[in-house]
Amino acid sequence: MVARLVIAAPSSGSGKTTVATGLMAAFAAAGLAVSPHKVGPDYIDPGYHALATGRPGRNLDAYLCGPDLVAPLFAHGAAGCDLAVIEGVMGMYDGAAGQGELASTAHVAKLLRAPVVLVVDASSQSRSVAALVHGFASWDPEVRVAGVILNKVGSDRHEALLREALEASGVPVLGALRRAPQVRAPSRHLGLVPVAERRAEAVESVAALASQVREGCDLDALLALARGAGPLPGAAWDPVSGLGSSPASPNSSSTAGRTGAAPRVAVAGGAAFTFSYAEHAELLAAAGAEVVPFDPLHDEELPERTAGLVIGGGFPEVYAPELSANEPLRKAVAELASSGAPVAAECAGLLYLSRELDGKPMCGVLDAQARMSQRLTLGYREAVAVSDSVLAAAGTRMRGHEFHRTVVEPGAGAAPAWGLHQPERRVEGFVQANVHASYLHTHWAARPDIARRFVESCTP
């Protein structure tokens, strides 16, 4: 049994991240081992969660991974912890477009059998808050809305009116937070600025959030609520057993076991490449790789003996001049790709492998140029691998997510990576020798054979 709470809200902008991160930090400061989780594909909020708890922020996405993996992935991430706090996504009942409750906060709460605390922006209402809470609490009887935290409360008088209105709702008020602009994290074109770009300020912000939540919330009542969640359905996910049951693994022998040496896989990190799921590195290691992080902003060489390269998402557009100025590393990446070593690039990685980004020279692995755009491309995608690659055989079906405000021209190479089927049919990405580069973010726990196939393509 893992004590757990889901932090939800009627809509985006209500204060979920403020409350969830503050709760994580406050409970961690009280000596509890806190496991942080985020509903949906978001990469940025988990960075703040990790800062608050000292543990990797993990995502729970019923669209990318399927409903059956939500509870096992949660149990894997929360193993050994005293408490898990799960931050929701958008409004509580908002999920994958046109697919009902799929991947919504309410859906995940039901899959985890977890109580929900509703964070309400009370800044422009008083008695109406009761109707709002009643509606959310009664909409789906399988979702247990067990408490309310009032956010952006204006004064003691305002708080008293809100509490009075909610007395008849049957949903207890477990906290009331005043407006506190000094604890807000700065935003940019894709949301909050990641922790890696403002670590010192982020540490101060998280500490301020913990203080605000500690003063305004009933932590004892919230912890008691979490401890009443009950047992989880099913067993915890495990990267080794996940690989053993994957379609591409007829036996359980690893690359290291066959060759006597673990191939070294370099994984891009640092401020420009902050988007990654913790399970990807775990799967690579389980498949027999030695995973070594490096920072393209500062490291002028790839890690010694690099046999494969993974470049995930992030904000290379913010750091285009610095990435371009690191010419030795750009050349090293190009040489590695030319040698036939497997390279997997996702979104930011795609931009980095292009010929140029906003006019600044990049690695030149792909004959494409990238630039910033005014248009936000955002949403879940159904995908099919068009070409055989180091990640997937042609015909492999995958679910993914796009999240960028850039354009790559051309959008696909002679051998495209994926065929996408929503919101419109198109091909995108590049498969070029052993390079796979695409805008599509995927979660490898849904297809562990991706990690095995990549590692098996490496040469120790």
Protein backbone atom coordinates (compact mmCIF):
# COMPACT_ATOMS: atom_id res chain seq x y z
CA MET A 1 0.00 0.00 0.00
CA VAL A 2 1.33 3.42 -1.00
CA ALA A 3 -0.25 6.47 0.61
CA ARG A 4 -1.27 8.75 -2.26
CA LEU A 5 -3.13 11.89 -3.25
CA VAL A 6 -4.15 13.25 -6.63
CA ILE A 7 -4.08 17.04 -6.93
CA ALA A 8 -6.66 18.13 -9.52
CA ALA A 9 -8.38 21.36 -10.57
CA PRO A 10 -11.41 22.54 -12.55
CA SER A 11 -9.15 24.04 -15.22
CA SER A 12 -5.58 24.90 -16.12
CA GLY A 13 -4.21 27.89 -14.26
CA SER A 14 -5.98 27.09 -11.00
CA GLY A 15 -2.75 26.38 -9.11
CA LYS A 16 -2.20 22.61 -9.37
CA THR A 17 1.56 22.94 -9.78
CA THR A 18 1.79 25.43 -6.92
CA VAL A 19 -0.10 23.18 -4.53
CA ALA A 20 1.35 19.85 -5.66
CA THR A 21 4.95 21.06 -5.60
CA GLY A 22 4.41 22.83 -2.29
CA LEU A 23 2.91 19.70 -0.73
CA MET A 24 5.77 17.55 -2.01
CA ALA A 25 8.35 19.94 -0.58
CA ALA A 26 6.53 20.41 2.74
CA PHE A 27 6.14 16.68 3.34
CA ALA A 28 9.73 16.00 2.27
CA ALA A 29 10.96 18.69 4.68
CA ALA A 30 8.99 16.92 7.42
CA GLY A 31 11.09 13.81 6.86
CA LEU A 32 8.81 11.77 4.61
CA ALA A 33 10.06 10.00 1.49
CA VAL A 34 7.80 11.55 -1.16
CA SER A 35 7.30 10.11 -4.64
CA PRO A 36 6.39 12.79 -7.24
CA HIS A 37 4.18 12.06 -10.25
CA LYS A 38 2.55 14.05 -13.06
CA VAL A 39 -0.49 13.05 -15.10
CA GLY A 40 0.08 13.42 -18.84
CA PRO A 41 3.15 13.95 -21.04
CA ASP A 42 4.46 17.14 -19.41
CA TYR A 43 8.24 17.24 -18.90
CA ILE A 44 8.66 20.56 -17.10
CA ASP A 45 6.56 20.17 -13.94
CA PRO A 46 8.36 16.91 -13.00
CA GLY A 47 11.60 18.89 -12.82
CA TYR A 48 10.14 21.03 -10.04
CA HIS A 49 8.73 17.91 -8.40
CA ALA A 50 12.18 16.32 -8.41
CA LEU A 51 13.66 19.44 -6.85
CA ALA A 52 11.00 19.34 -4.13
CA THR A 53 11.46 15.67 -3.25
CA GLY A 54 14.96 14.63 -4.27
CA ARG A 55 13.48 11.81 -6.39
CA PRO A 56 12.88 11.58 -10.15
CA GLY A 57 9.61 13.16 -11.27
CA ARG A 58 7.63 10.50 -13.14
CA ASN A 59 4.77 10.72 -15.61
CA LEU A 60 1.55 8.71 -15.61
CA ASP A 61 0.00 8.81 -19.07
CA ALA A 62 -2.86 6.46 -19.89
CA TYR A 63 -2.71 7.46 -23.57
CA LEU A 64 1.00 6.98 -24.20
CA CYS A 65 1.38 3.86 -22.06
CA GLY A 66 -2.15 2.49 -21.92
CA PRO A 67 -4.43 2.32 -18.85
CA ASP A 68 -3.06 -1.06 -17.75
CA LEU A 69 0.44 0.34 -17.16
CA VAL A 70 -0.57 3.35 -15.05
CA ALA A 71 -0.77 1.57 -11.69
CA PRO A 72 2.34 -0.60 -12.31
CA LEU A 73 4.43 2.41 -13.36
CA PHE A 74 3.17 4.32 -10.35
CA ALA A 75 4.09 1.47 -8.00
CA HIS A 76 7.55 1.24 -9.58
CA GLY A 77 8.20 4.95 -9.04
CA ALA A 78 6.74 5.04 -5.54
CA ALA A 79 8.49 1.93 -4.22
CA GLY A 80 9.85 2.50 -0.73
CA CYS A 81 8.17 5.89 -0.27
CA ASP A 82 5.94 7.07 2.56
CA LEU A 83 3.70 9.18 0.35
CA ALA A 84 3.03 9.85 -3.32
CA VAL A 85 1.65 13.12 -4.65
CA ILE A 86 0.23 13.05 -8.18
CA GLU A 87 -0.28 16.36 -9.97
CA GLY A 88 -3.12 16.30 -12.48
CA VAL A 89 -3.34 17.75 -15.96
CA MET A 90 -5.63 20.50 -17.32
CA GLY A 91 -9.16 20.33 -15.87
CA MET A 92 -9.91 17.18 -13.89
CA TYR A 93 -12.08 15.57 -16.57
CA ASP A 94 -10.06 16.78 -19.58
CA GLY A 95 -8.24 13.99 -21.42
CA ALA A 96 -7.25 12.93 -24.91
CA ALA A 97 -9.38 14.88 -27.37
CA GLY A 98 -12.42 12.97 -28.57
CA GLN A 99 -11.68 9.90 -26.42
CA GLY A 100 -13.80 10.45 -23.35
CA GLU A 101 -12.01 10.25 -20.04
CA LEU A 102 -8.86 8.61 -21.46
CA ALA A 103 -5.68 10.08 -19.91
CA SER A 104 -7.59 12.62 -17.81
CA THR A 105 -6.76 13.26 -14.17
CA ALA A 106 -10.05 11.62 -13.20
CA HIS A 107 -9.16 8.54 -15.24
CA VAL A 108 -5.75 8.19 -13.59
CA ALA A 109 -7.26 8.74 -10.13
CA LYS A 110 -9.63 5.86 -10.75
CA LEU A 111 -6.86 3.62 -12.05
CA LEU A 112 -4.86 4.35 -8.89
CA ARG A 113 -7.88 4.18 -6.56
CA ALA A 114 -6.64 7.44 -5.11
CA PRO A 115 -8.49 10.25 -3.35
CA VAL A 116 -8.60 13.59 -5.16
CA VAL A 117 -7.99 17.03 -3.68
CA LEU A 118 -9.50 19.76 -5.85
CA VAL A 119 -7.55 23.02 -6.13
CA VAL A 120 -9.96 25.89 -6.81
CA ASP A 121 -9.00 29.37 -7.97
CA ALA A 122 -11.23 31.35 -5.65
CA SER A 123 -10.05 34.79 -6.71
CA SER A 124 -13.33 35.88 -8.35
CA GLN A 125 -16.00 34.02 -6.43
CA SER A 126 -17.47 33.39 -3.01
CA ARG A 127 -20.71 31.36 -2.63
CA SER A 128 -20.48 30.04 -6.20
CA VAL A 129 -17.51 27.93 -5.14
CA ALA A 130 -19.95 25.47 -3.54
CA ALA A 131 -21.77 24.87 -6.83
CA LEU A 132 -18.45 24.39 -8.62
CA VAL A 133 -17.14 21.86 -6.10
CA HIS A 134 -20.47 20.04 -5.94
CA GLY A 135 -20.48 19.66 -9.72
CA PHE A 136 -16.98 18.22 -9.88
CA ALA A 137 -17.55 15.94 -6.89
CA SER A 138 -20.81 14.49 -8.23
CA TRP A 139 -20.03 14.25 -11.97
CA ASP A 140 -18.44 10.79 -11.77
CA PRO A 141 -19.32 8.72 -8.67
CA GLU A 142 -16.18 6.59 -9.20
CA VAL A 143 -13.97 9.63 -8.59
CA ARG A 144 -13.58 10.43 -4.91
CA VAL A 145 -13.19 14.18 -4.45
CA ALA A 146 -12.19 14.08 -0.80
CA GLY A 147 -11.08 17.65 -0.15
CA VAL A 148 -10.66 21.17 -1.46
CA ILE A 149 -7.73 23.57 -1.31
CA LEU A 150 -8.74 27.16 -1.99
CA ASN A 151 -6.13 29.09 -3.96
CA LYS A 152 -5.65 32.84 -4.52
CA VAL A 153 -7.80 33.76 -1.53
CA GLY A 154 -7.92 37.53 -1.11
CA SER A 155 -8.42 38.06 2.65
CA ASP A 156 -9.59 36.52 5.91
CA ARG A 157 -13.12 37.72 5.13
CA HIS A 158 -12.97 36.14 1.68
CA GLU A 159 -11.77 32.85 3.17
CA ALA A 160 -14.59 32.86 5.73
CA LEU A 161 -17.20 33.33 2.98
CA LEU A 162 -15.72 30.49 0.95
CA ARG A 163 -15.59 28.11 3.90
CA GLU A 164 -19.16 28.96 4.88
CA ALA A 165 -20.39 28.27 1.35
CA LEU A 166 -18.63 24.91 1.23
CA GLU A 167 -19.97 23.63 4.57
CA ALA A 168 -23.05 22.13 2.92
CA SER A 169 -21.11 20.54 0.05
CA GLY A 170 -19.82 17.63 2.09
CA VAL A 171 -16.30 18.21 0.78
CA PRO A 172 -13.96 19.47 3.51
CA VAL A 173 -11.67 22.46 3.03
CA LEU A 174 -8.13 21.21 3.62
CA GLY A 175 -6.32 24.43 2.89
CA ALA A 176 -6.54 28.08 1.87
CA LEU A 177 -3.68 29.89 0.16
CA ARG A 178 -3.34 33.62 -0.26
CA ARG A 179 -2.21 35.22 -3.50
CA ALA A 180 1.59 35.08 -3.54
CA PRO A 181 3.14 36.22 -6.82
CA GLN A 182 6.66 35.89 -5.42
CA VAL A 183 6.50 32.09 -5.63
CA ARG A 184 5.44 31.88 -9.26
CA ALA A 185 7.84 30.31 -11.70
CA PRO A 186 8.49 32.25 -14.92
CA SER A 187 6.83 31.01 -18.11
CA ARG A 188 7.91 30.89 -21.72
CA HIS A 189 6.50 29.74 -25.07
CA LEU A 190 6.01 26.10 -23.94
CA GLY A 191 5.13 26.67 -20.28
CA LEU A 192 7.26 27.05 -17.18
CA VAL A 193 10.99 27.63 -17.53
CA PRO A 194 12.67 24.29 -16.63
CA VAL A 195 14.53 23.90 -13.36
CA ALA A 196 17.82 23.25 -15.17
CA GLU A 197 17.75 26.79 -16.56
CA ARG A 198 17.17 28.56 -13.25
CA ARG A 199 18.22 26.15 -10.53
CA ALA A 200 19.15 28.68 -7.83
CA GLU A 201 15.92 30.64 -8.28
CA ALA A 202 13.92 27.41 -8.54
CA VAL A 203 15.29 26.20 -5.20
CA GLU A 204 14.10 29.45 -3.60
CA SER A 205 10.69 29.17 -5.30
CA VAL A 206 10.16 25.59 -4.14
CA ALA A 207 11.16 26.53 -0.58
CA ALA A 208 8.66 29.42 -0.69
CA LEU A 209 5.95 27.07 -1.98
CA ALA A 210 6.65 24.65 0.87
CA SER A 211 6.33 27.45 3.39
CA GLN A 212 3.11 28.74 1.83
CA VAL A 213 1.52 25.29 1.78
CA ARG A 214 2.71 24.46 5.29
CA GLU A 215 1.07 27.62 6.63
CA GLY A 216 -2.13 27.37 4.61
CA CYS A 217 -2.93 23.63 4.50
CA ASP A 218 -3.83 20.97 7.02
CA LEU A 219 -0.94 18.61 6.35
CA ASP A 220 -2.05 16.11 8.98
CA ALA A 221 -5.49 15.80 7.39
CA LEU A 222 -4.00 15.49 3.91
CA LEU A 223 -1.60 12.76 5.05
CA ALA A 224 -4.43 10.87 6.76
CA LEU A 225 -6.46 11.11 3.57
CA ALA A 226 -3.55 9.75 1.53
CA ARG A 227 -3.04 6.85 3.92
CA GLY A 228 -6.66 5.81 3.46
CA ALA A 229 -6.18 5.14 -0.25
CA GLY A 230 -6.01 1.35 0.13
CA PRO A 231 -4.11 -1.26 -1.89
CA LEU A 232 -3.02 -0.76 -5.48
CA PRO A 233 -4.22 -3.10 -8.22
CA GLY A 234 -1.54 -5.34 -9.72
CA ALA A 235 2.24 -5.58 -9.35
CA ALA A 236 4.88 -2.92 -9.88
CA TRP A 237 6.41 -2.44 -13.33
CA ASP A 238 10.02 -3.51 -13.69
CA PRO A 239 12.28 -2.61 -16.64
CA VAL A 240 13.95 -6.03 -16.75
CA SER A 241 10.71 -8.01 -16.76
CA GLY A 242 9.23 -5.49 -19.19
CA LEU A 243 12.02 -6.21 -21.64
CA GLY A 244 11.61 -9.92 -21.16
CA SER A 245 8.01 -9.80 -22.35
CA SER A 246 8.58 -7.42 -25.25
CA PRO A 247 7.93 -8.53 -28.85
CA ALA A 248 11.56 -8.01 -29.90
CA SER A 249 13.10 -10.14 -27.17
CA PRO A 250 12.77 -13.91 -27.76
CA ASN A 251 15.12 -14.53 -24.84
CA SER A 252 16.32 -12.57 -21.84
CA SER A 253 20.03 -12.37 -22.69
CA SER A 254 21.34 -8.81 -22.77
CA THR A 255 23.82 -7.24 -25.16
CA ALA A 256 26.35 -7.14 -22.34
CA GLY A 257 25.84 -10.83 -21.73
CA ARG A 258 26.43 -11.72 -25.39
CA THR A 259 29.50 -9.58 -25.98
CA GLY A 260 31.10 -9.37 -22.55
CA ALA A 261 31.04 -5.56 -22.54
CA ALA A 262 28.19 -3.12 -22.01
CA PRO A 263 27.81 -0.71 -24.94
CA ARG A 264 28.00 2.87 -23.77
CA VAL A 265 24.95 4.98 -24.65
CA ALA A 266 25.42 8.74 -24.29
CA VAL A 267 22.26 10.62 -23.29
CA ALA A 268 22.06 14.39 -23.82
CA GLY A 269 21.11 16.49 -20.81
CA GLY A 270 21.79 19.92 -19.36
CA ALA A 271 19.70 23.05 -19.74
CA ALA A 272 19.03 22.63 -23.47
CA PHE A 273 17.82 19.00 -23.28
CA THR A 274 15.65 18.60 -20.20
CA PHE A 275 12.79 16.51 -21.61
CA SER A 276 13.11 12.83 -20.74
CA TYR A 277 11.24 10.06 -18.99
CA ALA A 278 13.14 8.29 -16.21
CA GLU A 279 12.03 4.91 -17.54
CA HIS A 280 13.99 5.39 -20.78
CA ALA A 281 17.38 5.31 -19.04
CA GLU A 282 16.18 2.44 -16.86
CA LEU A 283 15.16 0.43 -19.94
CA LEU A 284 18.45 1.14 -21.71
CA ALA A 285 20.34 -0.09 -18.65
CA ALA A 286 18.10 -3.14 -18.36
CA ALA A 287 18.79 -3.92 -22.03
CA GLY A 288 22.50 -4.06 -21.25
CA ALA A 289 23.74 -0.53 -21.91
CA GLU A 290 25.93 1.68 -19.78
CA VAL A 291 24.05 4.99 -19.74
CA VAL A 292 26.27 8.09 -19.57
CA PRO A 293 24.82 11.63 -19.49
CA PHE A 294 26.54 14.56 -21.16
CA ASP A 295 25.76 18.26 -21.68
CA PRO A 296 25.93 19.58 -25.27
CA LEU A 297 26.18 23.13 -23.95
CA HIS A 298 29.46 22.49 -22.14
CA ASP A 299 31.04 19.16 -23.12
CA GLU A 300 33.25 19.44 -26.17
CA GLU A 301 33.48 15.67 -26.62
CA LEU A 302 31.08 12.78 -26.45
CA PRO A 303 31.73 10.40 -23.55
CA GLU A 304 34.64 8.09 -24.28
CA ARG A 305 33.66 4.87 -26.07
CA THR A 306 30.20 6.15 -27.02
CA ALA A 307 28.48 3.41 -29.02
CA GLY A 308 25.02 4.99 -29.26
CA LEU A 309 23.50 8.42 -28.77
CA VAL A 310 20.10 9.51 -27.44
CA ILE A 311 19.12 13.19 -27.72
CA GLY A 312 15.74 13.92 -26.20
CA GLY A 313 13.56 17.00 -26.04
CA GLY A 314 14.11 20.42 -24.56
CA PHE A 315 14.76 24.00 -25.61
CA PRO A 316 17.65 24.12 -28.09
CA GLU A 317 16.01 27.18 -29.68
CA VAL A 318 16.80 29.12 -26.50
CA TYR A 319 20.44 28.03 -26.62
CA ALA A 320 21.05 27.98 -30.37
CA PRO A 321 24.06 30.36 -30.21
CA GLU A 322 25.74 28.36 -27.43
CA LEU A 323 25.05 24.99 -29.07
CA SER A 324 26.36 26.31 -32.36
CA ALA A 325 29.49 27.72 -30.71
CA ASN A 326 30.37 24.25 -29.39
CA GLU A 327 31.78 23.22 -32.75
CA PRO A 328 33.93 20.33 -31.47
CA LEU A 329 30.89 18.52 -30.11
CA ARG A 330 28.82 19.21 -33.22
CA LYS A 331 31.57 17.59 -35.29
CA ALA A 332 31.80 14.65 -32.89
CA VAL A 333 28.05 14.03 -33.18
CA ALA A 334 28.22 14.19 -36.98
CA GLU A 335 31.17 11.80 -37.04
CA LEU A 336 29.40 9.35 -34.74
CA ALA A 337 26.33 9.35 -36.96
CA SER A 338 28.51 8.89 -40.07
CA SER A 339 30.23 5.90 -38.44
CA GLY A 340 26.93 4.01 -38.35
CA ALA A 341 26.40 4.20 -34.61
CA PRO A 342 22.71 4.34 -33.65
CA VAL A 343 21.35 7.81 -32.92
CA ALA A 344 17.84 8.46 -31.57
CA ALA A 345 16.77 12.10 -31.62
CA GLU A 346 13.43 13.36 -30.35
CA CYS A 347 12.09 16.89 -30.96
CA ALA A 348 14.96 19.03 -29.62
CA GLY A 349 17.31 16.31 -30.78
CA LEU A 350 15.84 16.61 -34.27
CA LEU A 351 16.63 20.34 -34.29
CA TYR A 352 20.16 19.72 -33.04
CA LEU A 353 20.86 17.21 -35.81
CA SER A 354 19.61 19.60 -38.50
CA ARG A 355 21.85 21.70 -40.69
CA GLU A 356 20.91 24.90 -38.87
CA LEU A 357 18.53 26.28 -36.25
CA ASP A 358 17.36 29.88 -36.65
CA GLY A 359 20.34 30.48 -38.91
CA LYS A 360 22.89 29.03 -36.46
CA PRO A 361 24.89 25.99 -37.64
CA MET A 362 23.98 22.73 -35.89
CA CYS A 363 25.35 19.20 -36.36
CA GLY A 364 24.42 18.86 -40.03
CA VAL A 365 23.54 15.18 -39.74
CA LEU A 366 20.23 15.89 -41.50
CA ASP A 367 19.82 17.96 -44.63
CA ALA A 368 17.12 20.10 -43.04
CA GLN A 369 16.85 23.49 -41.41
CA ALA A 370 14.85 24.42 -38.32
CA ARG A 371 13.36 27.70 -37.17
CA MET A 372 11.03 29.12 -34.56
CA SER A 373 7.37 29.46 -35.52
CA GLN A 374 4.37 31.39 -34.24
CA ARG A 375 2.29 28.21 -34.33
CA LEU A 376 2.16 25.82 -31.38
CA THR A 377 1.99 22.18 -32.40
CA LEU A 378 0.52 20.24 -29.50
CA GLY A 379 -1.36 17.02 -29.01
CA TYR A 380 -1.44 13.25 -28.83
CA ARG A 381 -0.71 11.28 -32.00
CA GLU A 382 -1.36 7.80 -33.34
CA ALA A 383 1.76 6.74 -35.24
CA VAL A 384 3.03 3.91 -37.41
CA ALA A 385 6.73 3.42 -38.19
CA VAL A 386 7.15 4.00 -41.93
CA SER A 387 10.75 2.81 -42.22
CA ASP A 388 12.86 0.18 -40.47
CA SER A 389 15.09 1.93 -37.94
CA VAL A 390 17.19 1.42 -34.83
CA LEU A 391 14.05 2.08 -32.78
CA ALA A 392 11.32 0.14 -34.56
CA ALA A 393 10.54 -2.10 -37.50
CA ALA A 394 8.35 -0.69 -40.24
CA GLY A 395 4.71 -1.20 -39.32
CA THR A 396 5.25 -0.80 -35.57
CA ARG A 397 2.34 1.08 -34.02
CA MET A 398 3.08 3.66 -31.36
CA ARG A 399 1.33 6.42 -29.51
CA GLY A 400 3.14 9.69 -29.07
CA HIS A 401 2.87 13.38 -28.32
CA GLU A 402 3.96 16.53 -30.15
CA PHE A 403 4.88 19.69 -28.26
CA HIS A 404 6.87 22.36 -30.11
CA ARG A 405 6.82 25.84 -31.54
CA THR A 406 9.40 25.18 -34.24
CA VAL A 407 9.32 24.00 -37.85
CA VAL A 408 11.78 21.73 -39.66
CA GLU A 409 11.99 21.97 -43.45
CA PRO A 410 11.58 19.52 -45.01
CA GLY A 411 9.33 17.87 -42.45
CA ALA A 412 10.31 14.37 -43.52
CA GLY A 413 13.22 12.69 -45.25
CA ALA A 414 13.27 10.22 -48.13
CA ALA A 415 12.68 7.52 -45.50
CA PRO A 416 10.25 9.10 -42.98
CA ALA A 417 10.22 8.03 -39.35
CA TRP A 418 6.48 8.00 -38.66
CA GLY A 419 3.14 8.14 -40.36
CA LEU A 420 0.75 10.13 -38.17
CA HIS A 421 -3.01 9.63 -38.27
CA GLN A 422 -4.37 12.54 -36.25
CA PRO A 423 -5.35 15.34 -36.43
CA GLU A 424 -4.38 14.92 -40.11
CA ARG A 425 -2.57 12.23 -42.07
CA ARG A 426 1.08 13.03 -42.77
CA VAL A 427 4.55 11.58 -42.58
CA GLU A 428 7.29 13.17 -40.50
CA GLY A 429 10.80 12.64 -39.29
CA PHE A 430 13.93 11.06 -40.74
CA VAL A 431 15.42 7.58 -40.87
CA GLN A 432 18.89 7.87 -42.32
CA ALA A 433 21.30 4.94 -41.96
CA ASN A 434 21.19 4.30 -38.18
CA VAL A 435 19.77 7.74 -37.31
CA HIS A 436 16.14 8.09 -36.19
CA ALA A 437 15.05 11.71 -35.77
CA SER A 438 11.49 12.90 -35.21
CA TYR A 439 9.32 15.47 -33.45
CA LEU A 440 7.30 12.68 -31.81
CA HIS A 441 7.77 12.17 -28.06
CA THR A 442 7.19 8.54 -27.08
CA HIS A 443 7.19 6.64 -23.81
CA TRP A 444 9.32 3.52 -24.15
CA ALA A 445 7.60 1.70 -21.28
CA ALA A 446 4.73 1.16 -23.72
CA ARG A 447 7.12 -0.64 -26.12
CA PRO A 448 10.22 -1.82 -24.22
CA ASP A 449 11.45 -3.53 -27.39
CA ILE A 450 12.48 -0.04 -28.55
CA ALA A 451 15.22 0.07 -25.90
CA ARG A 452 16.35 -3.49 -26.65
CA ARG A 453 16.46 -2.85 -30.41
CA PHE A 454 18.49 0.34 -29.90
CA VAL A 455 21.01 -1.29 -27.56
CA GLU A 456 21.38 -4.29 -29.85
CA SER A 457 22.30 -1.83 -32.63
CA CYS A 458 25.21 -0.50 -30.59
CA THR A 459 28.79 -1.69 -30.97
CA PRO A 460 30.65 -1.91 -27.63
